[in-house]
Amino acid sequence: MAWIPMIPEEEAEGELKEWYDKLRDPWGGVDDIMRIHSISLPTMKGHFELYRSAMTGSPDLSRKEREMIAIVVSSINQCHY
């Protein structure tokens, strides 16, 4: 459970609702790692752009290689994201 208050998806309005819709995963929800930014939309946008850049920015690594690196780093950090 997050220590920072989050706006639940069903209570989101306006631009936040649009971002929740954009970030919704195939399982039907928005990950807490993104919802934690719900009280500050600029930080949500920044986090998304950082992730997008890390996963698609440079042509030196394939998407598969980036995903493998992310899995190893998450495992080392004991992080389920």
PDB file of N, CA and C in Angstrom:
ATOM      1  N   MET A   1       0.841  -1.192   0.000  1.00  0.00           N
ATOM      2  CA  MET A   1       0.000   0.000   0.000  1.00  0.00           C
ATOM      3  C   MET A   1       0.880   1.248   0.000  1.00  0.00           C
ATOM      4  N   ALA A   2       0.505   2.207  -0.791  1.00  0.00           N
ATOM      5  CA  ALA A   2       1.286   3.435  -0.927  1.00  0.00           C
ATOM      6  C   ALA A   2       1.108   4.347   0.282  1.00  0.00           C
ATOM      7  N   TRP A   3       2.154   5.045   0.618  1.00  0.00           N
ATOM      8  CA  TRP A   3       2.094   6.030   1.692  1.00  0.00           C
ATOM      9  C   TRP A   3       1.653   7.385   1.156  1.00  0.00           C
ATOM     10  N   ILE A   4       1.715   7.540  -0.130  1.00  0.00           N
ATOM     11  CA  ILE A   4       1.290   8.774  -0.783  1.00  0.00           C
ATOM     12  C   ILE A   4      -0.144   8.570  -1.258  1.00  0.00           C
ATOM     13  N   PRO A   5      -1.035   9.500  -0.948  1.00  0.00           N
ATOM     14  CA  PRO A   5      -2.421   9.317  -1.393  1.00  0.00           C
ATOM     15  C   PRO A   5      -2.516   9.294  -2.919  1.00  0.00           C
ATOM     16  N   MET A   6      -3.355   8.399  -3.408  1.00  0.00           N
ATOM     17  CA  MET A   6      -3.560   8.275  -4.849  1.00  0.00           C
ATOM     18  C   MET A   6      -5.033   8.502  -5.156  1.00  0.00           C
ATOM     19  N   ILE A   7      -5.303   9.066  -6.311  1.00  0.00           N
ATOM     20  CA  ILE A   7      -6.683   9.240  -6.759  1.00  0.00           C
ATOM     21  C   ILE A   7      -7.107   7.943  -7.440  1.00  0.00           C
ATOM     22  N   PRO A   8      -8.133   7.270  -6.903  1.00  0.00           N
ATOM     23  CA  PRO A   8      -8.590   6.016  -7.513  1.00  0.00           C
ATOM     24  C   PRO A   8      -9.058   6.249  -8.952  1.00  0.00           C
ATOM     25  N   GLU A   9      -8.919   5.215  -9.769  1.00  0.00           N
ATOM     26  CA  GLU A   9      -9.295   5.331 -11.181  1.00  0.00           C
ATOM     27  C   GLU A   9     -10.743   5.770 -11.350  1.00  0.00           C
ATOM     28  N   GLU A  10     -11.630   5.244 -10.515  1.00  0.00           N
ATOM     29  CA  GLU A  10     -13.054   5.575 -10.653  1.00  0.00           C
ATOM     30  C   GLU A  10     -13.370   7.014 -10.242  1.00  0.00           C
ATOM     31  N   GLU A  11     -12.431   7.693  -9.554  1.00  0.00           N
ATOM     32  CA  GLU A  11     -12.641   9.084  -9.149  1.00  0.00           C
ATOM     33  C   GLU A  11     -11.891  10.076 -10.046  1.00  0.00           C
ATOM     34  N   ALA A  12     -11.110   9.574 -10.970  1.00  0.00           N
ATOM     35  CA  ALA A  12     -10.320  10.450 -11.840  1.00  0.00           C
ATOM     36  C   ALA A  12     -11.227  11.216 -12.795  1.00  0.00           C
ATOM     37  N   GLU A  13     -10.857  12.471 -13.036  1.00  0.00           N
ATOM     38  CA  GLU A  13     -11.615  13.329 -13.947  1.00  0.00           C
ATOM     39  C   GLU A  13     -10.657  14.056 -14.878  1.00  0.00           C
ATOM     40  N   GLY A  14     -11.200  14.563 -15.966  1.00  0.00           N
ATOM     41  CA  GLY A  14     -10.446  15.418 -16.881  1.00  0.00           C
ATOM     42  C   GLY A  14      -9.191  14.771 -17.427  1.00  0.00           C
ATOM     43  N   GLU A  15      -8.099  15.532 -17.387  1.00  0.00           N
ATOM     44  CA  GLU A  15      -6.843  15.069 -17.972  1.00  0.00           C
ATOM     45  C   GLU A  15      -6.284  13.848 -17.242  1.00  0.00           C
ATOM     46  N   LEU A  16      -6.475  13.778 -15.918  1.00  0.00           N
ATOM     47  CA  LEU A  16      -6.009  12.598 -15.180  1.00  0.00           C
ATOM     48  C   LEU A  16      -6.728  11.352 -15.672  1.00  0.00           C
ATOM     49  N   LYS A  17      -8.029  11.445 -15.886  1.00  0.00           N
ATOM     50  CA  LYS A  17      -8.786  10.300 -16.416  1.00  0.00           C
ATOM     51  C   LYS A  17      -8.251   9.899 -17.788  1.00  0.00           C
ATOM     52  N   GLU A  18      -7.944  10.880 -18.622  1.00  0.00           N
ATOM     53  CA  GLU A  18      -7.384  10.593 -19.948  1.00  0.00           C
ATOM     54  C   GLU A  18      -6.054   9.845 -19.826  1.00  0.00           C
ATOM     55  N   TRP A  19      -5.219  10.268 -18.871  1.00  0.00           N
ATOM     56  CA  TRP A  19      -3.938   9.591 -18.679  1.00  0.00           C
ATOM     57  C   TRP A  19      -4.132   8.186 -18.119  1.00  0.00           C
ATOM     58  N   TYR A  20      -5.058   8.030 -17.194  1.00  0.00           N
ATOM     59  CA  TYR A  20      -5.349   6.679 -16.685  1.00  0.00           C
ATOM     60  C   TYR A  20      -5.786   5.781 -17.841  1.00  0.00           C
ATOM     61  N   ASP A  21      -6.634   6.294 -18.712  1.00  0.00           N
ATOM     62  CA  ASP A  21      -7.087   5.501 -19.867  1.00  0.00           C
ATOM     63  C   ASP A  21      -5.905   5.126 -20.765  1.00  0.00           C
ATOM     64  N   LYS A  22      -4.977   6.058 -20.933  1.00  0.00           N
ATOM     65  CA  LYS A  22      -3.796   5.819 -21.765  1.00  0.00           C
ATOM     66  C   LYS A  22      -2.869   4.776 -21.139  1.00  0.00           C
ATOM     67  N   LEU A  23      -2.788   4.772 -19.810  1.00  0.00           N
ATOM     68  CA  LEU A  23      -1.843   3.908 -19.100  1.00  0.00           C
ATOM     69  C   LEU A  23      -2.433   2.569 -18.675  1.00  0.00           C
ATOM     70  N   ARG A  24      -3.711   2.372 -18.926  1.00  0.00           N
ATOM     71  CA  ARG A  24      -4.372   1.137 -18.479  1.00  0.00           C
ATOM     72  C   ARG A  24      -3.712  -0.075 -19.115  1.00  0.00           C
ATOM     73  N   ASP A  25      -3.366  -1.041 -18.280  1.00  0.00           N
ATOM     74  CA  ASP A  25      -2.733  -2.286 -18.733  1.00  0.00           C
ATOM     75  C   ASP A  25      -3.763  -3.251 -19.282  1.00  0.00           C
ATOM     76  N   PRO A  26      -3.289  -4.277 -19.991  1.00  0.00           N
ATOM     77  CA  PRO A  26      -4.223  -5.288 -20.521  1.00  0.00           C
ATOM     78  C   PRO A  26      -5.072  -5.952 -19.437  1.00  0.00           C
ATOM     79  N   TRP A  27      -4.550  -6.018 -18.204  1.00  0.00           N
ATOM     80  CA  TRP A  27      -5.331  -6.617 -17.111  1.00  0.00           C
ATOM     81  C   TRP A  27      -6.459  -5.703 -16.656  1.00  0.00           C
ATOM     82  N   GLY A  28      -6.493  -4.479 -17.168  1.00  0.00           N
ATOM     83  CA  GLY A  28      -7.619  -3.595 -16.914  1.00  0.00           C
ATOM     84  C   GLY A  28      -7.416  -2.519 -15.877  1.00  0.00           C
ATOM     85  N   GLY A  29      -6.208  -2.353 -15.374  1.00  0.00           N
ATOM     86  CA  GLY A  29      -5.969  -1.330 -14.373  1.00  0.00           C
ATOM     87  C   GLY A  29      -4.693  -0.557 -14.658  1.00  0.00           C
ATOM     88  N   VAL A  30      -4.468   0.468 -13.832  1.00  0.00           N
ATOM     89  CA  VAL A  30      -3.258   1.274 -13.932  1.00  0.00           C
ATOM     90  C   VAL A  30      -2.342   0.859 -12.787  1.00  0.00           C
ATOM     91  N   ASP A  31      -1.088   0.558 -13.096  1.00  0.00           N
ATOM     92  CA  ASP A  31      -0.137   0.142 -12.068  1.00  0.00           C
ATOM     93  C   ASP A  31       0.040   1.230 -11.013  1.00  0.00           C
ATOM     94  N   ASP A  32       0.238   0.796  -9.766  1.00  0.00           N
ATOM     95  CA  ASP A  32       0.473   1.740  -8.674  1.00  0.00           C
ATOM     96  C   ASP A  32       1.670   2.644  -8.950  1.00  0.00           C
ATOM     97  N   ILE A  33       2.686   2.112  -9.636  1.00  0.00           N
ATOM     98  CA  ILE A  33       3.880   2.900  -9.927  1.00  0.00           C
ATOM     99  C   ILE A  33       3.533   4.158 -10.734  1.00  0.00           C
ATOM    100  N   MET A  34       2.435   4.112 -11.483  1.00  0.00           N
ATOM    101  CA  MET A  34       1.974   5.293 -12.210  1.00  0.00           C
ATOM    102  C   MET A  34       0.891   6.036 -11.419  1.00  0.00           C
ATOM    103  N   ARG A  35       0.020   5.301 -10.746  1.00  0.00           N
ATOM    104  CA  ARG A  35      -1.056   5.957  -9.986  1.00  0.00           C
ATOM    105  C   ARG A  35      -0.512   6.806  -8.842  1.00  0.00           C
ATOM    106  N   ILE A  36       0.696   6.485  -8.378  1.00  0.00           N
ATOM    107  CA  ILE A  36       1.290   7.252  -7.286  1.00  0.00           C
ATOM    108  C   ILE A  36       1.482   8.722  -7.685  1.00  0.00           C
ATOM    109  N   HIS A  37       1.515   8.966  -8.988  1.00  0.00           N
ATOM    110  CA  HIS A  37       1.682  10.333  -9.498  1.00  0.00           C
ATOM    111  C   HIS A  37       0.345  11.048  -9.708  1.00  0.00           C
ATOM    112  N   SER A  38      -0.752  10.440  -9.318  1.00  0.00           N
ATOM    113  CA  SER A  38      -2.069  11.006  -9.627  1.00  0.00           C
ATOM    114  C   SER A  38      -2.309  12.375  -8.992  1.00  0.00           C
ATOM    115  N   ILE A  39      -1.597  12.689  -7.916  1.00  0.00           N
ATOM    116  CA  ILE A  39      -1.787  14.005  -7.297  1.00  0.00           C
ATOM    117  C   ILE A  39      -0.915  15.075  -7.955  1.00  0.00           C
ATOM    118  N   SER A  40      -0.073  14.662  -8.897  1.00  0.00           N
ATOM    119  CA  SER A  40       0.775  15.610  -9.624  1.00  0.00           C
ATOM    120  C   SER A  40       0.937  15.132 -11.064  1.00  0.00           C
ATOM    121  N   LEU A  41       0.028  15.554 -11.909  1.00  0.00           N
ATOM    122  CA  LEU A  41       0.028  15.110 -13.302  1.00  0.00           C
ATOM    123  C   LEU A  41       1.356  15.360 -14.029  1.00  0.00           C
ATOM    124  N   PRO A  42       2.050  16.493 -13.778  1.00  0.00           N
ATOM    125  CA  PRO A  42       3.350  16.676 -14.449  1.00  0.00           C
ATOM    126  C   PRO A  42       4.355  15.571 -14.110  1.00  0.00           C
ATOM    127  N   THR A  43       4.340  15.057 -12.872  1.00  0.00           N
ATOM    128  CA  THR A  43       5.272  13.977 -12.542  1.00  0.00           C
ATOM    129  C   THR A  43       4.852  12.675 -13.212  1.00  0.00           C
ATOM    130  N   MET A  44       3.543  12.453 -13.382  1.00  0.00           N
ATOM    131  CA  MET A  44       3.076  11.261 -14.096  1.00  0.00           C
ATOM    132  C   MET A  44       3.557  11.311 -15.544  1.00  0.00           C
ATOM    133  N   LYS A  45       3.399  12.473 -16.163  1.00  0.00           N
ATOM    134  CA  LYS A  45       3.838  12.626 -17.552  1.00  0.00           C
ATOM    135  C   LYS A  45       5.350  12.431 -17.665  1.00  0.00           C
ATOM    136  N   GLY A  46       6.096  12.993 -16.717  1.00  0.00           N
ATOM    137  CA  GLY A  46       7.549  12.852 -16.723  1.00  0.00           C
ATOM    138  C   GLY A  46       7.987  11.410 -16.556  1.00  0.00           C
ATOM    139  N   HIS A  47       7.339  10.693 -15.639  1.00  0.00           N
ATOM    140  CA  HIS A  47       7.654   9.277 -15.419  1.00  0.00           C
ATOM    141  C   HIS A  47       7.375   8.479 -16.687  1.00  0.00           C
ATOM    142  N   PHE A  48       6.244   8.750 -17.313  1.00  0.00           N
ATOM    143  CA  PHE A  48       5.890   8.045 -18.543  1.00  0.00           C
ATOM    144  C   PHE A  48       6.924   8.304 -19.637  1.00  0.00           C
ATOM    145  N   GLU A  49       7.326   9.560 -19.804  1.00  0.00           N
ATOM    146  CA  GLU A  49       8.298   9.899 -20.844  1.00  0.00           C
ATOM    147  C   GLU A  49       9.659   9.266 -20.556  1.00  0.00           C
ATOM    148  N   LEU A  50      10.059   9.227 -19.283  1.00  0.00           N
ATOM    149  CA  LEU A  50      11.314   8.579 -18.914  1.00  0.00           C
ATOM    150  C   LEU A  50      11.265   7.095 -19.259  1.00  0.00           C
ATOM    151  N   TYR A  51      10.170   6.430 -18.893  1.00  0.00           N
ATOM    152  CA  TYR A  51      10.008   5.007 -19.199  1.00  0.00           C
ATOM    153  C   TYR A  51      10.008   4.773 -20.711  1.00  0.00           C
ATOM    154  N   ARG A  52       9.234   5.574 -21.417  1.00  0.00           N
ATOM    155  CA  ARG A  52       9.141   5.421 -22.871  1.00  0.00           C
ATOM    156  C   ARG A  52      10.508   5.608 -23.519  1.00  0.00           C
ATOM    157  N   SER A  53      11.246   6.599 -23.068  1.00  0.00           N
ATOM    158  CA  SER A  53      12.573   6.854 -23.617  1.00  0.00           C
ATOM    159  C   SER A  53      13.528   5.703 -23.308  1.00  0.00           C
ATOM    160  N   ALA A  54      13.467   5.195 -22.086  1.00  0.00           N
ATOM    161  CA  ALA A  54      14.348   4.086 -21.700  1.00  0.00           C
ATOM    162  C   ALA A  54      14.047   2.829 -22.498  1.00  0.00           C
ATOM    163  N   MET A  55      12.775   2.617 -22.813  1.00  0.00           N
ATOM    164  CA  MET A  55      12.390   1.380 -23.489  1.00  0.00           C
ATOM    165  C   MET A  55      12.394   1.485 -25.016  1.00  0.00           C
ATOM    166  N   THR A  56      12.406   2.692 -25.560  1.00  0.00           N
ATOM    167  CA  THR A  56      12.353   2.820 -27.020  1.00  0.00           C
ATOM    168  C   THR A  56      13.329   3.845 -27.588  1.00  0.00           C
ATOM    169  N   GLY A  57      14.064   4.544 -26.738  1.00  0.00           N
ATOM    170  CA  GLY A  57      14.846   5.688 -27.181  1.00  0.00           C
ATOM    171  C   GLY A  57      15.993   5.427 -28.134  1.00  0.00           C
ATOM    172  N   SER A  58      16.865   4.496 -27.816  1.00  0.00           N
ATOM    173  CA  SER A  58      18.064   4.280 -28.607  1.00  0.00           C
ATOM    174  C   SER A  58      17.934   3.039 -29.485  1.00  0.00           C
ATOM    175  N   PRO A  59      18.412   3.115 -30.721  1.00  0.00           N
ATOM    176  CA  PRO A  59      18.329   1.943 -31.601  1.00  0.00           C
ATOM    177  C   PRO A  59      19.401   0.890 -31.300  1.00  0.00           C
ATOM    178  N   ASP A  60      20.270   1.160 -30.321  1.00  0.00           N
ATOM    179  CA  ASP A  60      21.367   0.237 -30.027  1.00  0.00           C
ATOM    180  C   ASP A  60      20.903  -1.072 -29.399  1.00  0.00           C
ATOM    181  N   LEU A  61      19.775  -1.054 -28.715  1.00  0.00           N
ATOM    182  CA  LEU A  61      19.237  -2.254 -28.077  1.00  0.00           C
ATOM    183  C   LEU A  61      17.836  -2.532 -28.599  1.00  0.00           C
ATOM    184  N   SER A  62      17.526  -3.799 -28.772  1.00  0.00           N
ATOM    185  CA  SER A  62      16.171  -4.167 -29.192  1.00  0.00           C
ATOM    186  C   SER A  62      15.224  -4.072 -27.997  1.00  0.00           C
ATOM    187  N   ARG A  63      13.943  -4.067 -28.266  1.00  0.00           N
ATOM    188  CA  ARG A  63      12.945  -4.046 -27.193  1.00  0.00           C
ATOM    189  C   ARG A  63      13.121  -5.274 -26.297  1.00  0.00           C
ATOM    190  N   LYS A  64      13.394  -6.412 -26.913  1.00  0.00           N
ATOM    191  CA  LYS A  64      13.592  -7.651 -26.152  1.00  0.00           C
ATOM    192  C   LYS A  64      14.790  -7.518 -25.205  1.00  0.00           C
ATOM    193  N   GLU A  65      15.887  -6.942 -25.684  1.00  0.00           N
ATOM    194  CA  GLU A  65      17.069  -6.751 -24.836  1.00  0.00           C
ATOM    195  C   GLU A  65      16.768  -5.788 -23.689  1.00  0.00           C
ATOM    196  N   ARG A  66      16.028  -4.728 -23.975  1.00  0.00           N
ATOM    197  CA  ARG A  66      15.660  -3.765 -22.929  1.00  0.00           C
ATOM    198  C   ARG A  66      14.797  -4.427 -21.859  1.00  0.00           C
ATOM    199  N   GLU A  67      13.848  -5.247 -22.291  1.00  0.00           N
ATOM    200  CA  GLU A  67      12.979  -5.953 -21.343  1.00  0.00           C
ATOM    201  C   GLU A  67      13.792  -6.922 -20.487  1.00  0.00           C
ATOM    202  N   MET A  68      14.755  -7.608 -21.093  1.00  0.00           N
ATOM    203  CA  MET A  68      15.593  -8.534 -20.327  1.00  0.00           C
ATOM    204  C   MET A  68      16.415  -7.777 -19.281  1.00  0.00           C
ATOM    205  N   ILE A  69      16.970  -6.638 -19.653  1.00  0.00           N
ATOM    206  CA  ILE A  69      17.726  -5.819 -18.705  1.00  0.00           C
ATOM    207  C   ILE A  69      16.815  -5.357 -17.574  1.00  0.00           C
ATOM    208  N   ALA A  70      15.615  -4.913 -17.917  1.00  0.00           N
ATOM    209  CA  ALA A  70      14.663  -4.453 -16.898  1.00  0.00           C
ATOM    210  C   ALA A  70      14.318  -5.573 -15.922  1.00  0.00           C
ATOM    211  N   ILE A  71      14.150  -6.790 -16.427  1.00  0.00           N
ATOM    212  CA  ILE A  71      13.832  -7.928 -15.560  1.00  0.00           C
ATOM    213  C   ILE A  71      14.983  -8.212 -14.602  1.00  0.00           C
ATOM    214  N   VAL A  72      16.207  -8.207 -15.102  1.00  0.00           N
ATOM    215  CA  VAL A  72      17.370  -8.474 -14.251  1.00  0.00           C
ATOM    216  C   VAL A  72      17.512  -7.391 -13.186  1.00  0.00           C
ATOM    217  N   VAL A  73      17.403  -6.129 -13.582  1.00  0.00           N
ATOM    218  CA  VAL A  73      17.525  -5.025 -12.623  1.00  0.00           C
ATOM    219  C   VAL A  73      16.424  -5.102 -11.570  1.00  0.00           C
ATOM    220  N   SER A  74      15.196  -5.369 -11.987  1.00  0.00           N
ATOM    221  CA  SER A  74      14.090  -5.497 -11.032  1.00  0.00           C
ATOM    222  C   SER A  74      14.330  -6.650 -10.074  1.00  0.00           C
ATOM    223  N   SER A  75      14.845  -7.751 -10.579  1.00  0.00           N
ATOM    224  CA  SER A  75      15.133  -8.906  -9.731  1.00  0.00           C
ATOM    225  C   SER A  75      16.212  -8.573  -8.706  1.00  0.00           C
ATOM    226  N   ILE A  76      17.285  -7.938  -9.147  1.00  0.00           N
ATOM    227  CA  ILE A  76      18.358  -7.547  -8.228  1.00  0.00           C
ATOM    228  C   ILE A  76      17.826  -6.606  -7.151  1.00  0.00           C
ATOM    229  N   ASN A  77      16.957  -5.686  -7.543  1.00  0.00           N
ATOM    230  CA  ASN A  77      16.383  -4.715  -6.603  1.00  0.00           C
ATOM    231  C   ASN A  77      15.191  -5.259  -5.824  1.00  0.00           C
ATOM    232  N   GLN A  78      14.828  -6.513  -6.075  1.00  0.00           N
ATOM    233  CA  GLN A  78      13.668  -7.147  -5.450  1.00  0.00           C
ATOM    234  C   GLN A  78      12.409  -6.299  -5.635  1.00  0.00           C
ATOM    235  N   CYS A  79      12.231  -5.845  -6.866  1.00  0.00           N
ATOM    236  CA  CYS A  79      11.098  -4.996  -7.227  1.00  0.00           C
ATOM    237  C   CYS A  79      10.223  -5.744  -8.224  1.00  0.00           C
ATOM    238  N   HIS A  80       8.925  -5.854  -7.964  1.00  0.00           N
ATOM    239  CA  HIS A  80       8.054  -6.601  -8.869  1.00  0.00           C
ATOM    240  C   HIS A  80       7.687  -5.827 -10.132  1.00  0.00           C
ATOM    241  N   TYR A  81       8.106  -4.565 -10.238  1.00  0.00           N
ATOM    242  CA  TYR A  81       7.848  -3.820 -11.465  1.00  0.00           C
ATOM    243  C   TYR A  81       8.941  -4.122 -12.458  1.00  0.00           C
TER     244      TYR A  81
END
